Amino acid sequence: MKLFKYIFLLIILLISFSLYLFNQTPKPKNIENIDISIYNGLSSVLFFIAKDNSYFKEEGLNLNFTLYNSGKKAVDSLLEGKVKYANSSEFVAVKNSFKNTSFNIIASISEASINGIIVKKNSFKKLLDIKNKNIAMSIGTASEYYTGVLLEHVGLSMNQISIVNLQSHKIDEFINNKKIDGFFTWEPHIYNTIKKNSDTLHFLPMPKGYGFYFGLIVDNEELKNKSHISEKIIRSLIKAEKWMNENPEEFKEFVMNKFNFNERYYKYIISNYNITVSLSNNMLETMKTEATWLIRNNLVNNENSENYLNIINPKILMKIDKSLISILKE
């Protein structure tokens, strides 16, 4: 009888201990599936690192990337209602803000200065000679604005050239079309094109100090109703930035493999980037300058001249880390 009693108590103890262990085991998180439109380039590298290192999954997210060859196309898909999240240069957001404020920039994820104009040597050699030439660019992307900046640098305006709307990756179309004299685009298109065609093409860079900011953009209603998702995405990107800073050699290898860069190009381009999560006053000033330029060139309705201020939302980033924000709205 005593033996039975001891066995019964032992069984009870084992069951109790098993239940205790079960309750101590972390429960798997409910994974939320999020569709996001991403520019497929170095400006978006924190997204790729976060996914590769499972940082999104750690936050309970599964991000499904749709990749685009420009930030404009990524944002177009958001405005068309295909996704709730996208990333692009700040200029894309500014230009769209004159007719649509259904989105917010909640963080910048990189800064870069990688723009310039590829020119056919038999067309012109100096920027001063660009007047009345046929210049290709991708309208609605940062290339549009920086073409204007480049022209103003030599006292010219957009109406003193003939504009050809050409997507940034269509280099062959530019090369083969004898009527197009120059093509304003960005890296790595510039480097790869000049390398292959140095006998017929040359490159005129932007003046120093003109770069862009690549922003994380979210649909307003999504941000209002599911702000926790935006917070989780940004936390994942901050983890990716930390990994990048702590593992420079691994980061270099990751970038070269992901974007098919060779060692020479990596060394050439990486110093032109500042890959960091932030919201800076410099970005706000850039957006203000872009809005003014768009109005001055009659490219937008100036009744909405300050809409760009209303599309910046620092609340999520402020909740995570106030030190990442230096933005001051007037």
Protein backbone atom coordinates (compact mmCIF):
# COMPACT_ATOMS: atom_id res chain seq x y z
CA MET A 1 0.00 0.00 0.00
CA LYS A 2 2.81 2.39 0.91
CA LEU A 3 4.60 1.54 -2.33
CA PHE A 4 1.48 2.41 -4.31
CA LYS A 5 1.19 5.68 -2.40
CA TYR A 6 4.81 6.61 -3.19
CA ILE A 7 4.38 5.72 -6.85
CA PHE A 8 1.21 7.84 -7.02
CA LEU A 9 2.99 10.82 -5.44
CA LEU A 10 5.94 10.40 -7.81
CA ILE A 11 3.57 10.42 -10.78
CA ILE A 12 1.90 13.59 -9.48
CA LEU A 13 5.30 15.25 -9.05
CA LEU A 14 6.40 14.28 -12.56
CA ILE A 15 3.17 15.63 -14.07
CA SER A 16 3.51 18.88 -12.11
CA PHE A 17 7.13 19.29 -13.17
CA SER A 18 6.22 18.64 -16.82
CA LEU A 19 3.48 21.25 -16.66
CA TYR A 20 5.93 23.72 -15.14
CA LEU A 21 8.45 23.15 -17.93
CA PHE A 22 5.72 23.50 -20.54
CA ASN A 23 4.66 26.86 -19.12
CA GLN A 24 8.28 28.05 -19.09
CA THR A 25 8.83 27.23 -22.77
CA PRO A 26 8.43 30.33 -25.00
CA LYS A 27 5.33 30.07 -27.15
CA PRO A 28 5.84 30.62 -30.87
CA LYS A 29 4.72 34.09 -31.96
CA ASN A 30 1.81 34.54 -34.31
CA ILE A 31 3.53 35.50 -37.55
CA GLU A 32 1.97 38.41 -39.45
CA ASN A 33 2.47 38.39 -43.22
CA ILE A 34 3.31 41.80 -44.69
CA ASP A 35 3.67 42.66 -48.39
CA ILE A 36 6.16 45.44 -49.13
CA SER A 37 7.48 46.97 -52.34
CA ILE A 38 11.25 47.38 -52.24
CA TYR A 39 13.78 49.11 -54.48
CA ASN A 40 16.24 46.39 -55.45
CA GLY A 41 19.50 48.19 -54.67
CA LEU A 42 22.05 49.10 -52.03
CA SER A 43 19.80 51.84 -50.63
CA SER A 44 17.52 49.05 -49.35
CA VAL A 45 20.26 46.83 -47.94
CA LEU A 46 18.99 46.93 -44.34
CA PHE A 47 15.80 45.19 -45.49
CA PHE A 48 17.77 42.38 -47.09
CA ILE A 49 20.02 41.98 -44.04
CA ALA A 50 17.03 41.92 -41.70
CA LYS A 51 15.36 39.22 -43.75
CA ASP A 52 18.53 37.16 -44.18
CA ASN A 53 19.25 37.27 -40.42
CA SER A 54 15.61 36.52 -39.50
CA TYR A 55 15.20 39.81 -37.62
CA PHE A 56 11.69 40.25 -39.02
CA LYS A 57 10.76 36.78 -37.79
CA GLU A 58 12.12 37.61 -34.35
CA GLU A 59 9.59 40.43 -34.30
CA GLY A 60 6.78 38.14 -35.41
CA LEU A 61 6.72 39.29 -39.04
CA ASN A 62 7.11 37.63 -42.41
CA LEU A 63 7.88 40.30 -45.02
CA ASN A 64 7.14 39.40 -48.62
CA PHE A 65 9.28 41.56 -50.90
CA THR A 66 8.23 42.67 -54.37
CA LEU A 67 11.36 44.10 -55.97
CA TYR A 68 11.46 47.10 -58.31
CA ASN A 69 14.23 48.82 -60.27
CA SER A 70 13.21 52.25 -58.92
CA GLY A 71 11.71 53.67 -55.77
CA LYS A 72 9.06 55.41 -57.88
CA LYS A 73 7.67 52.08 -59.04
CA ALA A 74 7.69 50.78 -55.46
CA VAL A 75 5.67 53.79 -54.27
CA ASP A 76 3.34 53.58 -57.28
CA SER A 77 2.36 50.09 -56.11
CA LEU A 78 1.55 51.48 -52.65
CA LEU A 79 -0.55 54.32 -54.06
CA GLU A 80 -2.38 51.80 -56.26
CA GLY A 81 -3.33 49.85 -53.13
CA LYS A 82 -1.25 46.77 -53.92
CA VAL A 83 0.82 47.03 -50.71
CA LYS A 84 0.83 49.02 -47.46
CA TYR A 85 4.60 49.56 -47.29
CA ALA A 86 7.25 50.73 -49.77
CA ASN A 87 10.59 52.52 -49.90
CA SER A 88 11.91 55.24 -52.18
CA SER A 89 13.91 58.46 -52.33
CA GLU A 90 12.39 61.44 -50.56
CA PHE A 91 11.83 63.20 -53.91
CA VAL A 92 9.33 60.56 -55.01
CA ALA A 93 7.38 61.21 -51.81
CA VAL A 94 7.60 64.99 -52.16
CA LYS A 95 6.32 65.05 -55.75
CA ASN A 96 3.47 62.69 -54.93
CA SER A 97 2.53 64.77 -51.88
CA PHE A 98 1.22 67.58 -54.10
CA LYS A 99 -1.66 65.35 -55.20
CA ASN A 100 -1.77 62.58 -52.60
CA THR A 101 -1.06 62.59 -48.86
CA SER A 102 -2.35 59.10 -48.08
CA PHE A 103 1.09 57.97 -46.92
CA ASN A 104 3.76 58.79 -44.33
CA ILE A 105 7.54 58.64 -44.26
CA ILE A 106 8.31 57.06 -40.88
CA ALA A 107 12.09 56.71 -41.23
CA SER A 108 15.03 57.19 -43.55
CA ILE A 109 17.01 53.98 -44.03
CA SER A 110 19.97 55.27 -46.05
CA GLU A 111 21.54 58.36 -47.56
CA ALA A 112 23.56 58.43 -50.77
CA SER A 113 25.15 60.60 -53.42
CA ILE A 114 25.23 58.43 -56.54
CA ASN A 115 23.67 60.52 -59.33
CA GLY A 116 25.04 62.07 -62.49
CA ILE A 117 24.75 62.28 -66.24
CA ILE A 118 26.22 59.90 -68.82
CA VAL A 119 27.05 61.81 -71.99
CA LYS A 120 27.90 60.71 -75.52
CA LYS A 121 31.32 62.11 -76.35
CA ASN A 122 30.26 63.15 -79.83
CA SER A 123 27.39 65.22 -78.37
CA PHE A 124 29.03 67.47 -75.77
CA LYS A 125 31.90 67.41 -73.29
CA LYS A 126 31.10 70.20 -70.83
CA LEU A 127 27.93 70.77 -68.85
CA LEU A 128 27.73 74.30 -70.26
CA ASP A 129 27.09 72.76 -73.68
CA ILE A 130 23.97 70.86 -72.56
CA LYS A 131 21.59 73.58 -73.74
CA ASN A 132 19.08 72.36 -76.39
CA LYS A 133 20.31 68.77 -76.06
CA ASN A 134 18.07 65.70 -75.73
CA ILE A 135 18.50 64.41 -72.19
CA ALA A 136 16.94 61.20 -70.89
CA MET A 137 15.84 60.71 -67.29
CA SER A 138 13.24 58.75 -65.34
CA ILE A 139 10.48 61.28 -64.68
CA GLY A 140 9.14 61.16 -61.12
CA THR A 141 12.36 59.76 -59.64
CA ALA A 142 15.14 61.74 -57.98
CA SER A 143 16.81 61.91 -61.41
CA GLU A 144 14.24 64.48 -62.49
CA TYR A 145 15.12 66.81 -59.64
CA TYR A 146 18.86 66.33 -59.86
CA THR A 147 18.85 67.02 -63.58
CA GLY A 148 17.25 70.34 -62.73
CA VAL A 149 19.84 71.01 -60.01
CA LEU A 150 22.66 70.22 -62.42
CA LEU A 151 21.23 72.60 -65.00
CA GLU A 152 20.77 75.41 -62.48
CA HIS A 153 24.39 74.92 -61.46
CA VAL A 154 25.35 76.34 -64.87
CA GLY A 155 22.54 78.89 -65.10
CA LEU A 156 20.10 76.82 -67.16
CA SER A 157 16.60 75.45 -66.56
CA MET A 158 14.64 72.35 -67.54
CA ASN A 159 12.89 74.14 -70.42
CA GLN A 160 16.27 74.70 -72.08
CA ILE A 161 16.72 70.98 -72.81
CA SER A 162 14.51 68.41 -74.51
CA ILE A 163 13.44 65.78 -71.97
CA VAL A 164 13.18 62.10 -72.87
CA ASN A 165 11.41 59.96 -70.25
CA LEU A 166 13.46 56.76 -69.95
CA GLN A 167 13.62 54.27 -67.10
CA SER A 168 16.97 54.15 -65.34
CA HIS A 169 17.88 50.61 -66.36
CA LYS A 170 17.26 51.13 -70.09
CA ILE A 171 20.88 51.98 -70.85
CA ASP A 172 20.98 50.16 -74.18
CA GLU A 173 18.06 52.21 -75.45
CA PHE A 174 20.00 55.38 -74.63
CA ILE A 175 23.19 54.11 -76.27
CA ASN A 176 21.45 52.94 -79.43
CA ASN A 177 19.26 56.00 -79.90
CA LYS A 178 21.35 58.54 -81.80
CA LYS A 179 18.91 61.32 -80.95
CA ILE A 180 19.56 61.10 -77.18
CA ASP A 181 22.66 63.05 -76.11
CA GLY A 182 22.79 62.30 -72.39
CA PHE A 183 21.17 60.15 -69.70
CA PHE A 184 20.78 61.26 -66.09
CA THR A 185 20.75 58.17 -63.89
CA TRP A 186 22.33 56.63 -60.80
CA GLU A 187 24.73 53.92 -59.70
CA PRO A 188 25.46 51.15 -60.48
CA HIS A 189 24.15 52.02 -63.97
CA ILE A 190 26.73 54.80 -64.34
CA TYR A 191 29.76 52.71 -63.36
CA ASN A 192 28.78 49.67 -65.43
CA THR A 193 27.91 51.74 -68.51
CA ILE A 194 31.07 53.85 -68.52
CA LYS A 195 33.21 50.77 -67.93
CA LYS A 196 31.80 49.05 -71.00
CA ASN A 197 31.65 52.15 -73.22
CA SER A 198 34.49 54.41 -72.12
CA ASP A 199 35.50 55.07 -75.73
CA THR A 200 32.12 56.64 -76.61
CA LEU A 201 30.71 57.85 -73.27
CA HIS A 202 31.86 60.01 -70.39
CA PHE A 203 30.39 60.96 -67.01
CA LEU A 204 29.55 64.36 -65.51
CA PRO A 205 28.93 64.04 -61.74
CA MET A 206 26.63 66.06 -59.51
CA PRO A 207 28.17 68.97 -57.57
CA LYS A 208 29.21 67.91 -54.07
CA GLY A 209 26.58 68.05 -51.37
CA TYR A 210 23.63 66.78 -53.41
CA GLY A 211 22.43 63.42 -52.17
CA PHE A 212 19.14 61.72 -51.45
CA TYR A 213 17.47 59.98 -48.52
CA PHE A 214 15.75 56.66 -48.93
CA GLY A 215 12.60 56.50 -46.82
CA LEU A 216 10.35 53.81 -45.40
CA ILE A 217 6.82 54.75 -46.50
CA VAL A 218 3.57 53.42 -45.07
CA ASP A 219 -0.10 53.85 -45.94
CA ASN A 220 -1.82 56.22 -43.50
CA GLU A 221 -4.64 53.85 -42.55
CA GLU A 222 -2.19 51.01 -41.99
CA LEU A 223 -0.12 53.22 -39.70
CA LYS A 224 -3.21 54.35 -37.81
CA ASN A 225 -4.69 50.89 -37.29
CA LYS A 226 -1.57 48.69 -37.10
CA SER A 227 1.23 50.91 -35.85
CA HIS A 228 2.78 47.92 -34.07
CA ILE A 229 3.79 46.50 -37.47
CA SER A 230 5.65 49.69 -38.42
CA GLU A 231 7.39 49.57 -35.06
CA LYS A 232 8.44 45.96 -35.57
CA ILE A 233 9.76 46.68 -39.07
CA ILE A 234 11.89 49.58 -37.82
CA ARG A 235 13.19 47.53 -34.88
CA SER A 236 14.26 44.86 -37.35
CA LEU A 237 16.06 47.44 -39.51
CA ILE A 238 17.87 48.83 -36.47
CA LYS A 239 19.04 45.30 -35.64
CA ALA A 240 20.27 45.00 -39.24
CA GLU A 241 22.20 48.27 -38.93
CA LYS A 242 23.79 47.06 -35.68
CA TRP A 243 24.86 43.82 -37.39
CA MET A 244 26.29 45.82 -40.31
CA ASN A 245 28.36 48.04 -38.01
CA GLU A 246 29.63 45.14 -35.91
CA ASN A 247 30.49 42.90 -38.88
CA PRO A 248 32.09 45.03 -41.63
CA GLU A 249 33.71 42.12 -43.47
CA GLU A 250 30.56 40.02 -43.38
CA PHE A 251 28.59 43.08 -44.54
CA LYS A 252 30.97 43.57 -47.44
CA GLU A 253 30.60 39.94 -48.48
CA PHE A 254 26.82 40.13 -48.11
CA VAL A 255 26.57 43.24 -50.32
CA MET A 256 28.90 41.87 -52.99
CA ASN A 257 26.95 38.61 -53.19
CA LYS A 258 23.49 40.18 -52.99
CA PHE A 259 24.04 42.83 -55.66
CA ASN A 260 26.71 41.07 -57.70
CA PHE A 261 29.35 43.73 -56.96
CA ASN A 262 33.03 43.03 -57.50
CA GLU A 263 35.70 44.22 -55.07
CA ARG A 264 36.64 47.23 -57.17
CA TYR A 265 33.09 48.53 -57.48
CA TYR A 266 32.39 47.98 -53.78
CA LYS A 267 35.38 50.15 -52.84
CA TYR A 268 34.29 52.75 -55.40
CA ILE A 269 30.69 53.07 -54.20
CA ILE A 270 30.45 52.29 -50.49
CA SER A 271 31.87 55.64 -49.30
CA ASN A 272 29.01 57.39 -51.12
CA TYR A 273 26.49 55.81 -48.74
CA ASN A 274 25.48 56.43 -45.15
CA ILE A 275 23.33 53.45 -44.25
CA THR A 276 21.46 54.30 -41.08
CA VAL A 277 17.95 54.50 -39.64
CA SER A 278 17.05 58.10 -38.84
CA LEU A 279 14.86 61.14 -39.48
CA SER A 280 17.17 64.11 -39.98
CA ASN A 281 16.66 67.81 -40.40
CA ASN A 282 18.89 67.61 -43.49
CA MET A 283 16.27 65.37 -45.11
CA LEU A 284 13.54 67.89 -44.27
CA GLU A 285 15.59 70.72 -45.76
CA THR A 286 16.17 68.66 -48.90
CA MET A 287 12.42 68.04 -49.20
CA LYS A 288 11.70 71.75 -48.79
CA THR A 289 14.19 72.59 -51.56
CA GLU A 290 12.63 69.96 -53.83
CA ALA A 291 9.10 71.27 -53.23
CA THR A 292 10.26 74.80 -54.06
CA TRP A 293 11.98 73.57 -57.24
CA LEU A 294 8.89 71.66 -58.39
CA ILE A 295 6.75 74.79 -57.98
CA ARG A 296 9.29 77.07 -59.63
CA ASN A 297 9.39 74.80 -62.68
CA ASN A 298 5.56 74.54 -62.85
CA LEU A 299 5.68 70.77 -62.39
CA VAL A 300 3.08 70.68 -59.59
CA ASN A 301 0.11 72.60 -58.21
CA ASN A 302 1.56 75.16 -55.81
CA GLU A 303 -1.64 75.26 -53.72
CA ASN A 304 -0.27 72.23 -51.89
CA SER A 305 3.23 73.60 -51.39
CA GLU A 306 3.60 72.47 -47.76
CA ASN A 307 2.10 69.00 -48.07
CA TYR A 308 5.59 67.53 -47.79
CA LEU A 309 5.57 68.56 -44.12
CA ASN A 310 2.47 66.48 -43.47
CA ILE A 311 3.86 63.23 -44.84
CA ILE A 312 6.67 63.00 -42.28
CA ASN A 313 5.64 61.09 -39.15
CA PRO A 314 8.31 60.70 -36.45
CA LYS A 315 6.06 59.05 -33.83
CA ILE A 316 7.17 55.45 -34.40
CA LEU A 317 10.87 56.26 -34.44
CA MET A 318 10.47 58.52 -31.41
CA LYS A 319 8.87 55.65 -29.51
CA ILE A 320 11.81 53.37 -30.33
CA ASP A 321 14.77 55.73 -29.97
CA LYS A 322 14.51 59.54 -29.78
CA SER A 323 18.21 59.91 -30.49
CA LEU A 324 17.61 58.84 -34.11
CA ILE A 325 15.53 61.96 -34.78
CA SER A 326 16.89 65.45 -35.46
CA ILE A 327 13.98 66.70 -37.54
CA LEU A 328 12.52 70.12 -36.73
CA LYS A 329 9.26 71.12 -38.37
CA GLU A 330 8.69 74.86 -38.70
